[in-house]
C-alpha cells in the first residue's frame, strides 16, 4: 500500500468545484486517458453508487464510498494497473476552494504505477490532472454567462 497526496487552490466556490468534480461526463476533459464512463448505478450524491471509467479498452470499476456535498467524496477504484481509494476534500479558502486529494493504492503493481503518476506535474500525473481540473473550473467561473 502506498499513499500519495496532491492539492491545489481553485478560484471558484466549493459548490461549483464539487459539481464539476462529480460530473462523470466531464472526466475525459481533465483525467488523462479517460475515453468514457459507463455502467452508472445510482446517483453521484449517494454512497454505494457505481460506475466504470474507461481508459481505452481498460475498465476501472468505481464505487462511491462516502459523499458529503460540497465538502467530501471518497471512492474505491481499480483495474490491473492502478487500484485503491481516492479521498478528496473541498474546503473554502481565500475566496476559492482548496482541493486536497489523497490516493491510497492497493497491491504491489498499483504502488509502482501510483508512484509514477505521483512524480512531478506532467499532464497525466495526479498533480497534472488536478491542475487541468483547476484550469477547467476557473475558465468557466471567470467566463461571463
C-alpha atoms as a PDB file:
ATOM      1  CA  UNK A   1       0.000   0.000   0.000  1.00  0.00           C
ATOM      2  CA  UNK A   2       1.217   3.490  -0.846  1.00  0.00           C
ATOM      3  CA  UNK A   3      -0.263   6.931  -0.181  1.00  0.00           C
ATOM      4  CA  UNK A   4       0.033   9.961  -2.459  1.00  0.00           C
ATOM      5  CA  UNK A   5      -1.321  13.471  -1.836  1.00  0.00           C
ATOM      6  CA  UNK A   6      -1.941  16.394  -4.193  1.00  0.00           C
ATOM      7  CA  UNK A   7      -3.541  19.776  -3.641  1.00  0.00           C
ATOM      8  CA  UNK A   8      -4.470  22.964  -5.461  1.00  0.00           C
ATOM      9  CA  UNK A   9      -6.395  26.171  -4.818  1.00  0.00           C
ATOM     10  CA  UNK A  10      -9.188  26.876  -7.293  1.00  0.00           C
ATOM     11  CA  UNK A  11     -10.660  30.355  -7.769  1.00  0.00           C
ATOM     12  CA  UNK A  12     -14.259  29.137  -7.608  1.00  0.00           C
ATOM     13  CA  UNK A  13     -16.771  28.358  -4.842  1.00  0.00           C
ATOM     14  CA  UNK A  14     -16.873  24.819  -3.385  1.00  0.00           C
ATOM     15  CA  UNK A  15     -20.313  24.130  -4.851  1.00  0.00           C
ATOM     16  CA  UNK A  16     -19.090  24.739  -8.415  1.00  0.00           C
ATOM     17  CA  UNK A  17     -15.842  22.818  -7.877  1.00  0.00           C
ATOM     18  CA  UNK A  18     -17.676  19.838  -6.382  1.00  0.00           C
ATOM     19  CA  UNK A  19     -20.328  19.836  -9.118  1.00  0.00           C
ATOM     20  CA  UNK A  20     -17.669  19.710 -11.836  1.00  0.00           C
ATOM     21  CA  UNK A  21     -15.659  17.042  -9.968  1.00  0.00           C
ATOM     22  CA  UNK A  22     -18.686  14.753  -9.752  1.00  0.00           C
ATOM     23  CA  UNK A  23     -19.885  15.292 -13.341  1.00  0.00           C
ATOM     24  CA  UNK A  24     -18.965  11.920 -14.855  1.00  0.00           C
ATOM     25  CA  UNK A  25     -19.457  13.182 -18.412  1.00  0.00           C
ATOM     26  CA  UNK A  26     -16.643  15.695 -17.871  1.00  0.00           C
ATOM     27  CA  UNK A  27     -13.982  13.196 -16.749  1.00  0.00           C
ATOM     28  CA  UNK A  28     -12.393  12.999 -20.244  1.00  0.00           C
ATOM     29  CA  UNK A  29     -11.773  16.769 -20.089  1.00  0.00           C
ATOM     30  CA  UNK A  30      -9.363  16.507 -17.154  1.00  0.00           C
ATOM     31  CA  UNK A  31      -8.475  12.898 -16.327  1.00  0.00           C
ATOM     32  CA  UNK A  32      -5.728  11.683 -18.638  1.00  0.00           C
ATOM     33  CA  UNK A  33      -6.662   8.795 -20.888  1.00  0.00           C
ATOM     34  CA  UNK A  34     -10.350   8.613 -19.960  1.00  0.00           C
ATOM     35  CA  UNK A  35     -12.436   7.828 -23.033  1.00  0.00           C
ATOM     36  CA  UNK A  36     -15.858   7.322 -21.444  1.00  0.00           C
ATOM     37  CA  UNK A  37     -17.845   6.440 -18.305  1.00  0.00           C
ATOM     38  CA  UNK A  38     -20.428   3.633 -18.407  1.00  0.00           C
ATOM     39  CA  UNK A  39     -22.434   1.267 -16.204  1.00  0.00           C
ATOM     40  CA  UNK A  40     -23.815   4.011 -13.979  1.00  0.00           C
ATOM     41  CA  UNK A  41     -25.773   2.729 -11.000  1.00  0.00           C
ATOM     42  CA  UNK A  42     -27.234   5.227  -8.551  1.00  0.00           C
ATOM     43  CA  UNK A  43     -26.674   8.937  -8.128  1.00  0.00           C
ATOM     44  CA  UNK A  44     -23.290  10.563  -7.586  1.00  0.00           C
ATOM     45  CA  UNK A  45     -24.868  12.079  -4.464  1.00  0.00           C
ATOM     46  CA  UNK A  46     -25.133   8.702  -2.713  1.00  0.00           C
ATOM     47  CA  UNK A  47     -22.677   6.281  -1.193  1.00  0.00           C
ATOM     48  CA  UNK A  48     -22.953   2.925  -2.922  1.00  0.00           C
ATOM     49  CA  UNK A  49     -23.285   4.416  -6.396  1.00  0.00           C
ATOM     50  CA  UNK A  50     -21.125   2.741  -9.034  1.00  0.00           C
ATOM     51  CA  UNK A  51     -19.751   3.492 -12.471  1.00  0.00           C
ATOM     52  CA  UNK A  52     -16.995   2.286 -14.791  1.00  0.00           C
ATOM     53  CA  UNK A  53     -14.292   4.624 -16.063  1.00  0.00           C
ATOM     54  CA  UNK A  54     -12.678   3.532 -19.326  1.00  0.00           C
ATOM     55  CA  UNK A  55      -9.084   4.214 -20.335  1.00  0.00           C
ATOM     56  CA  UNK A  56      -9.293   2.992 -23.937  1.00  0.00           C
ATOM     57  CA  UNK A  57     -10.087  -0.730 -23.573  1.00  0.00           C
ATOM     58  CA  UNK A  58      -9.163  -0.872 -19.874  1.00  0.00           C
ATOM     59  CA  UNK A  59     -12.063  -0.605 -17.430  1.00  0.00           C
ATOM     60  CA  UNK A  60     -11.804   0.785 -13.908  1.00  0.00           C
ATOM     61  CA  UNK A  61     -14.921  -0.053 -11.863  1.00  0.00           C
ATOM     62  CA  UNK A  62     -15.511   2.654  -9.255  1.00  0.00           C
ATOM     63  CA  UNK A  63     -17.741   2.882  -6.186  1.00  0.00           C
ATOM     64  CA  UNK A  64     -18.670   5.956  -4.153  1.00  0.00           C
ATOM     65  CA  UNK A  65     -17.868   5.063  -0.531  1.00  0.00           C
ATOM     66  CA  UNK A  66     -18.642   8.386   1.175  1.00  0.00           C
ATOM     67  CA  UNK A  67     -20.021  11.667  -0.074  1.00  0.00           C
ATOM     68  CA  UNK A  68     -20.951  14.970   1.547  1.00  0.00           C
ATOM     69  CA  UNK A  69     -21.847  17.639  -0.981  1.00  0.00           C
ATOM     70  CA  UNK A  70     -19.917  20.005  -1.447  1.00  0.00           C
ATOM     71  CA  UNK A  71     -17.172  19.048   1.019  1.00  0.00           C
ATOM     72  CA  UNK A  72     -16.014  15.465   0.508  1.00  0.00           C
ATOM     73  CA  UNK A  73     -16.031  12.379  -1.718  1.00  0.00           C
ATOM     74  CA  UNK A  74     -14.258   9.062  -1.232  1.00  0.00           C
ATOM     75  CA  UNK A  75     -14.221   6.390  -3.922  1.00  0.00           C
ATOM     76  CA  UNK A  76     -12.735   2.950  -4.486  1.00  0.00           C
ATOM     77  CA  UNK A  77     -11.414   2.263  -7.991  1.00  0.00           C
ATOM     78  CA  UNK A  78      -9.471  -0.470  -9.624  1.00  0.00           C
ATOM     79  CA  UNK A  79      -8.024  -2.174 -12.647  1.00  0.00           C
ATOM     80  CA  UNK A  80      -4.921  -4.228 -13.385  1.00  0.00           C
ATOM     81  CA  UNK A  81      -2.626  -1.198 -13.300  1.00  0.00           C
ATOM     82  CA  UNK A  82      -3.980   1.099 -10.617  1.00  0.00           C
ATOM     83  CA  UNK A  83      -6.371   0.254  -7.797  1.00  0.00           C
ATOM     84  CA  UNK A  84      -7.120   1.754  -4.438  1.00  0.00           C
ATOM     85  CA  UNK A  85      -9.079   4.630  -2.943  1.00  0.00           C
ATOM     86  CA  UNK A  86      -9.307   8.340  -3.632  1.00  0.00           C
ATOM     87  CA  UNK A  87     -10.315  10.670  -0.802  1.00  0.00           C
ATOM     88  CA  UNK A  88     -10.989  14.281  -1.819  1.00  0.00           C
ATOM     89  CA  UNK A  89     -11.923  17.290   0.312  1.00  0.00           C
ATOM     90  CA  UNK A  90     -13.169  20.662  -0.920  1.00  0.00           C
ATOM     91  CA  UNK A  91     -12.633  23.463   1.614  1.00  0.00           C
ATOM     92  CA  UNK A  92     -13.345  27.192   1.282  1.00  0.00           C
ATOM     93  CA  UNK A  93     -10.095  29.168   1.300  1.00  0.00           C
ATOM     94  CA  UNK A  94      -9.103  32.677   0.201  1.00  0.00           C
ATOM     95  CA  UNK A  95     -12.310  33.250  -1.768  1.00  0.00           C
ATOM     96  CA  UNK A  96     -11.930  29.926  -3.588  1.00  0.00           C
ATOM     97  CA  UNK A  97     -11.710  26.227  -2.848  1.00  0.00           C
ATOM     98  CA  UNK A  98      -8.773  24.184  -1.599  1.00  0.00           C
ATOM     99  CA  UNK A  99      -8.928  20.718  -3.172  1.00  0.00           C
ATOM    100  CA  UNK A 100      -6.902  18.049  -1.404  1.00  0.00           C
ATOM    101  CA  UNK A 101      -6.785  14.570  -2.879  1.00  0.00           C
ATOM    102  CA  UNK A 102      -5.256  11.512  -1.306  1.00  0.00           C
ATOM    103  CA  UNK A 103      -4.700   8.278  -3.218  1.00  0.00           C
ATOM    104  CA  UNK A 104      -4.099   5.050  -1.318  1.00  0.00           C
ATOM    105  CA  UNK A 105      -3.106   2.264  -3.684  1.00  0.00           C
ATOM    106  CA  UNK A 106      -3.615  -1.453  -3.097  1.00  0.00           C
ATOM    107  CA  UNK A 107      -1.101  -4.025  -4.245  1.00  0.00           C
ATOM    108  CA  UNK A 108       2.482  -4.033  -5.434  1.00  0.00           C
ATOM    109  CA  UNK A 109       1.806  -3.176  -9.095  1.00  0.00           C
ATOM    110  CA  UNK A 110      -0.586  -0.363  -8.125  1.00  0.00           C
ATOM    111  CA  UNK A 111       2.037   1.063  -5.752  1.00  0.00           C
ATOM    112  CA  UNK A 112       4.592   1.175  -8.574  1.00  0.00           C
ATOM    113  CA  UNK A 113       2.188   2.836 -11.027  1.00  0.00           C
ATOM    114  CA  UNK A 114       0.916   5.160  -8.275  1.00  0.00           C
ATOM    115  CA  UNK A 115       4.491   6.293  -7.685  1.00  0.00           C
ATOM    116  CA  UNK A 116       4.925   7.006 -11.412  1.00  0.00           C
ATOM    117  CA  UNK A 117       1.681   9.010 -11.523  1.00  0.00           C
ATOM    118  CA  UNK A 118       2.642  10.872  -8.337  1.00  0.00           C
ATOM    119  CA  UNK A 119       6.012  12.067  -9.622  1.00  0.00           C
ATOM    120  CA  UNK A 120       6.067  15.597 -10.990  1.00  0.00           C
ATOM    121  CA  UNK A 121       3.300  17.627 -12.548  1.00  0.00           C
ATOM    122  CA  UNK A 122       3.270  16.340 -16.130  1.00  0.00           C
ATOM    123  CA  UNK A 123      -0.151  16.243 -17.816  1.00  0.00           C
ATOM    124  CA  UNK A 124      -1.002  12.623 -16.864  1.00  0.00           C
ATOM    125  CA  UNK A 125       0.306  12.810 -13.300  1.00  0.00           C
ATOM    126  CA  UNK A 126      -2.006  13.147 -10.317  1.00  0.00           C
ATOM    127  CA  UNK A 127      -0.906  16.788  -9.854  1.00  0.00           C
ATOM    128  CA  UNK A 128      -1.089  17.457 -13.591  1.00  0.00           C
ATOM    129  CA  UNK A 129      -4.675  16.220 -13.761  1.00  0.00           C
ATOM    130  CA  UNK A 130      -5.579  18.314 -10.731  1.00  0.00           C
ATOM    131  CA  UNK A 131      -4.095  21.401 -12.390  1.00  0.00           C
ATOM    132  CA  UNK A 132      -6.006  20.639 -15.607  1.00  0.00           C
ATOM    133  CA  UNK A 133      -9.152  20.404 -13.485  1.00  0.00           C
ATOM    134  CA  UNK A 134      -8.329  23.746 -11.796  1.00  0.00           C
ATOM    135  CA  UNK A 135      -7.910  25.480 -15.152  1.00  0.00           C
ATOM    136  CA  UNK A 136     -11.154  23.985 -16.448  1.00  0.00           C
ATOM    137  CA  UNK A 137     -13.211  25.165 -13.464  1.00  0.00           C
ATOM    138  CA  UNK A 138     -11.572  28.592 -13.338  1.00  0.00           C
ATOM    139  CA  UNK A 139     -12.094  29.190 -17.055  1.00  0.00           C
ATOM    140  CA  UNK A 140     -15.814  28.519 -16.616  1.00  0.00           C
ATOM    141  CA  UNK A 141     -16.023  30.560 -13.414  1.00  0.00           C
ATOM    142  CA  UNK A 142     -14.359  33.600 -14.962  1.00  0.00           C
ATOM    143  CA  UNK A 143     -16.263  33.375 -18.258  1.00  0.00           C
ATOM    144  CA  UNK A 144     -19.281  35.676 -18.397  1.00  0.00           C
ATOM    145  CA  UNK A 145     -22.616  33.870 -18.827  1.00  0.00           C
END
